């Protein structure tokens, strides 16, 4: 019974996802994630504490 329930849930979710992607303007999640990573890297590079001279050796 558990196999059929999980398979049914997966099929309904996949079908709903396909329907939404075809009929509505769904944002590209991968593009949003990449933009967030670029922004986070920019903040990390610009606002990092400077290294102490003792730690460089």
PDB file of N, CA and C in Angstrom:
ATOM      1  N   UNK A   1       0.820  -1.192   0.000  1.00  0.00           N
ATOM      2  CA  UNK A   1       0.000   0.000   0.000  1.00  0.00           C
ATOM      3  C   UNK A   1       0.866   1.259   0.000  1.00  0.00           C
ATOM      4  N   UNK A   2       1.999   1.257   0.707  1.00  0.00           N
ATOM      5  CA  UNK A   2       2.868   2.423   0.770  1.00  0.00           C
ATOM      6  C   UNK A   2       3.502   2.750  -0.564  1.00  0.00           C
ATOM      7  N   UNK A   3       3.837   1.689  -1.333  1.00  0.00           N
ATOM      8  CA  UNK A   3       4.457   1.896  -2.642  1.00  0.00           C
ATOM      9  C   UNK A   3       3.491   2.608  -3.579  1.00  0.00           C
ATOM     10  N   UNK A   4       2.247   2.169  -3.595  1.00  0.00           N
ATOM     11  CA  UNK A   4       1.258   2.777  -4.482  1.00  0.00           C
ATOM     12  C   UNK A   4       0.952   4.215  -4.077  1.00  0.00           C
ATOM     13  N   UNK A   5       0.904   4.478  -2.795  1.00  0.00           N
ATOM     14  CA  UNK A   5       0.621   5.833  -2.325  1.00  0.00           C
ATOM     15  C   UNK A   5       1.753   6.782  -2.709  1.00  0.00           C
ATOM     16  N   UNK A   6       2.996   6.350  -2.500  1.00  0.00           N
ATOM     17  CA  UNK A   6       4.118   7.224  -2.838  1.00  0.00           C
ATOM     18  C   UNK A   6       4.248   7.394  -4.354  1.00  0.00           C
ATOM     19  N   UNK A   7       3.978   6.335  -5.111  1.00  0.00           N
ATOM     20  CA  UNK A   7       4.037   6.440  -6.565  1.00  0.00           C
ATOM     21  C   UNK A   7       2.942   7.365  -7.077  1.00  0.00           C
ATOM     22  N   UNK A   8       1.739   7.226  -6.525  1.00  0.00           N
ATOM     23  CA  UNK A   8       0.632   8.097  -6.920  1.00  0.00           C
ATOM     24  C   UNK A   8       0.958   9.557  -6.614  1.00  0.00           C
ATOM     25  N   UNK A   9       1.527   9.829  -5.447  1.00  0.00           N
ATOM     26  CA  UNK A   9       1.888  11.189  -5.065  1.00  0.00           C
ATOM     27  C   UNK A   9       2.934  11.756  -6.020  1.00  0.00           C
ATOM     28  N   UNK A  10       3.925  10.942  -6.369  1.00  0.00           N
ATOM     29  CA  UNK A  10       4.970  11.380  -7.291  1.00  0.00           C
ATOM     30  C   UNK A  10       4.387  11.699  -8.668  1.00  0.00           C
ATOM     31  N   UNK A  11       3.524  10.834  -9.184  1.00  0.00           N
ATOM     32  CA  UNK A  11       2.945  11.033 -10.513  1.00  0.00           C
ATOM     33  C   UNK A  11       2.062  12.282 -10.536  1.00  0.00           C
ATOM     34  N   UNK A  12       1.245  12.477  -9.504  1.00  0.00           N
ATOM     35  CA  UNK A  12       0.390  13.663  -9.447  1.00  0.00           C
ATOM     36  C   UNK A  12       1.250  14.924  -9.345  1.00  0.00           C
ATOM     37  N   UNK A  13       2.311  14.902  -8.535  1.00  0.00           N
ATOM     38  CA  UNK A  13       3.197  16.057  -8.410  1.00  0.00           C
ATOM     39  C   UNK A  13       3.917  16.371  -9.701  1.00  0.00           C
ATOM     40  N   UNK A  14       4.392  15.337 -10.380  1.00  0.00           N
ATOM     41  CA  UNK A  14       5.076  15.551 -11.661  1.00  0.00           C
ATOM     42  C   UNK A  14       4.106  16.109 -12.695  1.00  0.00           C
ATOM     43  N   UNK A  15       2.908  15.563 -12.741  1.00  0.00           N
ATOM     44  CA  UNK A  15       1.910  16.053 -13.696  1.00  0.00           C
ATOM     45  C   UNK A  15       1.530  17.497 -13.420  1.00  0.00           C
ATOM     46  N   UNK A  16       1.338  17.840 -12.156  1.00  0.00           N
ATOM     47  CA  UNK A  16       1.018  19.222 -11.795  1.00  0.00           C
ATOM     48  C   UNK A  16       2.178  20.154 -12.141  1.00  0.00           C
ATOM     49  N   UNK A  17       3.402  19.712 -11.901  1.00  0.00           N
ATOM     50  CA  UNK A  17       4.566  20.527 -12.243  1.00  0.00           C
ATOM     51  C   UNK A  17       4.683  20.783 -13.732  1.00  0.00           C
ATOM     52  N   UNK A  18       4.421  19.769 -14.538  1.00  0.00           N
ATOM     53  CA  UNK A  18       4.455  19.935 -15.991  1.00  0.00           C
ATOM     54  C   UNK A  18       3.360  20.903 -16.439  1.00  0.00           C
ATOM     55  N   UNK A  19       2.166  20.743 -15.890  1.00  0.00           N
ATOM     56  CA  UNK A  19       1.064  21.639 -16.241  1.00  0.00           C
ATOM     57  C   UNK A  19       1.401  23.092 -15.908  1.00  0.00           C
ATOM     58  N   UNK A  20       1.919  23.320 -14.693  1.00  0.00           N
ATOM     59  CA  UNK A  20       2.255  24.683 -14.284  1.00  0.00           C
ATOM     60  C   UNK A  20       3.364  25.272 -15.146  1.00  0.00           C
ATOM     61  N   UNK A  21       4.379  24.467 -15.467  1.00  0.00           N
ATOM     62  CA  UNK A  21       5.499  24.968 -16.265  1.00  0.00           C
ATOM     63  C   UNK A  21       5.061  25.334 -17.680  1.00  0.00           C
ATOM     64  N   UNK A  22       4.084  24.614 -18.215  1.00  0.00           N
ATOM     65  CA  UNK A  22       3.634  24.894 -19.581  1.00  0.00           C
ATOM     66  C   UNK A  22       2.674  26.078 -19.652  1.00  0.00           C
ATOM     67  N   UNK A  23       1.893  26.289 -18.601  1.00  0.00           N
ATOM     68  CA  UNK A  23       0.817  27.277 -18.686  1.00  0.00           C
ATOM     69  C   UNK A  23       1.077  28.564 -17.922  1.00  0.00           C
ATOM     70  N   UNK A  24       2.090  28.596 -17.098  1.00  0.00           N
ATOM     71  CA  UNK A  24       2.363  29.789 -16.298  1.00  0.00           C
ATOM     72  C   UNK A  24       3.840  30.147 -16.407  1.00  0.00           C
ATOM     73  N   UNK A  25       4.154  31.402 -16.112  1.00  0.00           N
ATOM     74  CA  UNK A  25       5.532  31.893 -16.183  1.00  0.00           C
ATOM     75  C   UNK A  25       6.232  31.550 -14.866  1.00  0.00           C
ATOM     76  N   UNK A  26       6.788  30.359 -14.787  1.00  0.00           N
ATOM     77  CA  UNK A  26       7.449  29.869 -13.577  1.00  0.00           C
ATOM     78  C   UNK A  26       8.916  30.300 -13.639  1.00  0.00           C
ATOM     79  N   UNK A  27       9.454  30.893 -12.565  1.00  0.00           N
ATOM     80  CA  UNK A  27      10.851  31.337 -12.607  1.00  0.00           C
ATOM     81  C   UNK A  27      11.819  30.154 -12.664  1.00  0.00           C
ATOM     82  N   UNK A  28      12.969  30.394 -13.264  1.00  0.00           N
ATOM     83  CA  UNK A  28      14.014  29.384 -13.356  1.00  0.00           C
ATOM     84  C   UNK A  28      14.765  29.352 -12.026  1.00  0.00           C
ATOM     85  N   UNK A  29      14.589  28.287 -11.266  1.00  0.00           N
ATOM     86  CA  UNK A  29      15.165  28.178  -9.924  1.00  0.00           C
ATOM     87  C   UNK A  29      16.694  28.147  -9.988  1.00  0.00           C
ATOM     88  N   UNK A  30      17.248  27.466 -10.976  1.00  0.00           N
ATOM     89  CA  UNK A  30      18.710  27.375 -11.086  1.00  0.00           C
ATOM     90  C   UNK A  30      19.322  28.758 -11.295  1.00  0.00           C
ATOM     91  N   UNK A  31      18.668  29.596 -12.085  1.00  0.00           N
ATOM     92  CA  UNK A  31      19.162  30.955 -12.321  1.00  0.00           C
ATOM     93  C   UNK A  31      19.108  31.778 -11.031  1.00  0.00           C
ATOM     94  N   UNK A  32      18.029  31.617 -10.252  1.00  0.00           N
ATOM     95  CA  UNK A  32      17.918  32.334  -8.985  1.00  0.00           C
ATOM     96  C   UNK A  32      18.998  31.898  -8.000  1.00  0.00           C
ATOM     97  N   UNK A  33      19.276  30.601  -7.947  1.00  0.00           N
ATOM     98  CA  UNK A  33      20.302  30.086  -7.040  1.00  0.00           C
ATOM     99  C   UNK A  33      21.672  30.616  -7.441  1.00  0.00           C
ATOM    100  N   UNK A  34      21.969  30.593  -8.730  1.00  0.00           N
ATOM    101  CA  UNK A  34      23.270  31.090  -9.192  1.00  0.00           C
ATOM    102  C   UNK A  34      23.442  32.575  -8.892  1.00  0.00           C
ATOM    103  N   UNK A  35      22.378  33.357  -9.067  1.00  0.00           N
ATOM    104  CA  UNK A  35      22.440  34.783  -8.745  1.00  0.00           C
ATOM    105  C   UNK A  35      22.699  34.992  -7.262  1.00  0.00           C
ATOM    106  N   UNK A  36      22.025  34.214  -6.415  1.00  0.00           N
ATOM    107  CA  UNK A  36      22.248  34.306  -4.968  1.00  0.00           C
ATOM    108  C   UNK A  36      23.665  33.961  -4.583  1.00  0.00           C
ATOM    109  N   UNK A  37      24.244  32.939  -5.232  1.00  0.00           N
ATOM    110  CA  UNK A  37      25.627  32.564  -4.934  1.00  0.00           C
ATOM    111  C   UNK A  37      26.608  33.649  -5.348  1.00  0.00           C
ATOM    112  N   UNK A  38      26.358  34.288  -6.472  1.00  0.00           N
ATOM    113  CA  UNK A  38      27.232  35.377  -6.923  1.00  0.00           C
ATOM    114  C   UNK A  38      27.166  36.544  -5.940  1.00  0.00           C
ATOM    115  N   UNK A  39      25.968  36.874  -5.488  1.00  0.00           N
ATOM    116  CA  UNK A  39      25.817  37.967  -4.521  1.00  0.00           C
ATOM    117  C   UNK A  39      26.498  37.616  -3.203  1.00  0.00           C
ATOM    118  N   UNK A  40      26.330  36.378  -2.737  1.00  0.00           N
ATOM    119  CA  UNK A  40      26.960  35.957  -1.483  1.00  0.00           C
ATOM    120  C   UNK A  40      28.486  35.989  -1.598  1.00  0.00           C
ATOM    121  N   UNK A  41      29.019  35.559  -2.740  1.00  0.00           N
ATOM    122  CA  UNK A  41      30.470  35.596  -2.949  1.00  0.00           C
ATOM    123  C   UNK A  41      30.979  37.036  -2.959  1.00  0.00           C
ATOM    124  N   UNK A  42      30.214  37.930  -3.573  1.00  0.00           N
ATOM    125  CA  UNK A  42      30.583  39.346  -3.607  1.00  0.00           C
ATOM    126  C   UNK A  42      30.654  39.929  -2.192  1.00  0.00           C
ATOM    127  N   UNK A  43      29.639  39.663  -1.377  1.00  0.00           N
ATOM    128  CA  UNK A  43      29.636  40.144   0.006  1.00  0.00           C
ATOM    129  C   UNK A  43      30.791  39.552   0.798  1.00  0.00           C
ATOM    130  N   UNK A  44      31.036  38.256   0.605  1.00  0.00           N
ATOM    131  CA  UNK A  44      32.104  37.591   1.355  1.00  0.00           C
ATOM    132  C   UNK A  44      33.468  38.174   0.996  1.00  0.00           C
ATOM    133  N   UNK A  45      33.703  38.477  -0.273  1.00  0.00           N
ATOM    134  CA  UNK A  45      34.989  39.034  -0.686  1.00  0.00           C
ATOM    135  C   UNK A  45      35.169  40.475  -0.205  1.00  0.00           C
ATOM    136  N   UNK A  46      34.094  41.248  -0.180  1.00  0.00           N
ATOM    137  CA  UNK A  46      34.211  42.660   0.162  1.00  0.00           C
ATOM    138  C   UNK A  46      34.179  42.940   1.655  1.00  0.00           C
ATOM    139  N   UNK A  47      33.564  42.098   2.436  1.00  0.00           N
ATOM    140  CA  UNK A  47      33.387  42.381   3.855  1.00  0.00           C
ATOM    141  C   UNK A  47      34.119  41.399   4.771  1.00  0.00           C
ATOM    142  N   UNK A  48      35.039  40.628   4.234  1.00  0.00           N
ATOM    143  CA  UNK A  48      35.828  39.701   5.033  1.00  0.00           C
ATOM    144  C   UNK A  48      36.786  40.477   5.925  1.00  0.00           C
ATOM    145  N   UNK A  49      36.989  39.990   7.143  1.00  0.00           N
ATOM    146  CA  UNK A  49      37.969  40.627   8.020  1.00  0.00           C
ATOM    147  C   UNK A  49      39.366  40.458   7.430  1.00  0.00           C
ATOM    148  N   UNK A  50      40.193  41.483   7.537  1.00  0.00           N
ATOM    149  CA  UNK A  50      41.567  41.336   7.027  1.00  0.00           C
ATOM    150  C   UNK A  50      42.357  40.366   7.893  1.00  0.00           C
ATOM    151  N   UNK A  51      43.280  39.644   7.257  1.00  0.00           N
ATOM    152  CA  UNK A  51      44.117  38.691   7.984  1.00  0.00           C
ATOM    153  C   UNK A  51      45.126  39.437   8.863  1.00  0.00           C
ATOM    154  N   UNK A  52      45.426  38.846  10.007  1.00  0.00           N
ATOM    155  CA  UNK A  52      46.458  39.410  10.853  1.00  0.00           C
ATOM    156  C   UNK A  52      47.824  39.033  10.276  1.00  0.00           C
ATOM    157  N   UNK A  53      48.811  39.850  10.564  1.00  0.00           N
ATOM    158  CA  UNK A  53      50.149  39.570  10.042  1.00  0.00           C
ATOM    159  C   UNK A  53      50.750  38.318  10.647  1.00  0.00           C
ATOM    160  N   UNK A  54      50.385  37.965  11.892  1.00  0.00           N
ATOM    161  CA  UNK A  54      50.915  36.764  12.540  1.00  0.00           C
ATOM    162  C   UNK A  54      50.404  35.499  11.856  1.00  0.00           C
ATOM    163  N   UNK A  55      49.207  35.529  11.278  1.00  0.00           N
ATOM    164  CA  UNK A  55      48.616  34.352  10.663  1.00  0.00           C
ATOM    165  C   UNK A  55      49.163  34.077   9.263  1.00  0.00           C
ATOM    166  N   UNK A  56      49.793  35.054   8.629  1.00  0.00           N
ATOM    167  CA  UNK A  56      50.260  34.885   7.261  1.00  0.00           C
ATOM    168  C   UNK A  56      51.487  33.981   7.170  1.00  0.00           C
ATOM    169  N   UNK A  57      52.276  33.861   8.206  1.00  0.00           N
ATOM    170  CA  UNK A  57      53.491  33.047   8.147  1.00  0.00           C
ATOM    171  C   UNK A  57      53.205  31.598   8.290  1.00  0.00           C
TER     172      UNK A  57
END
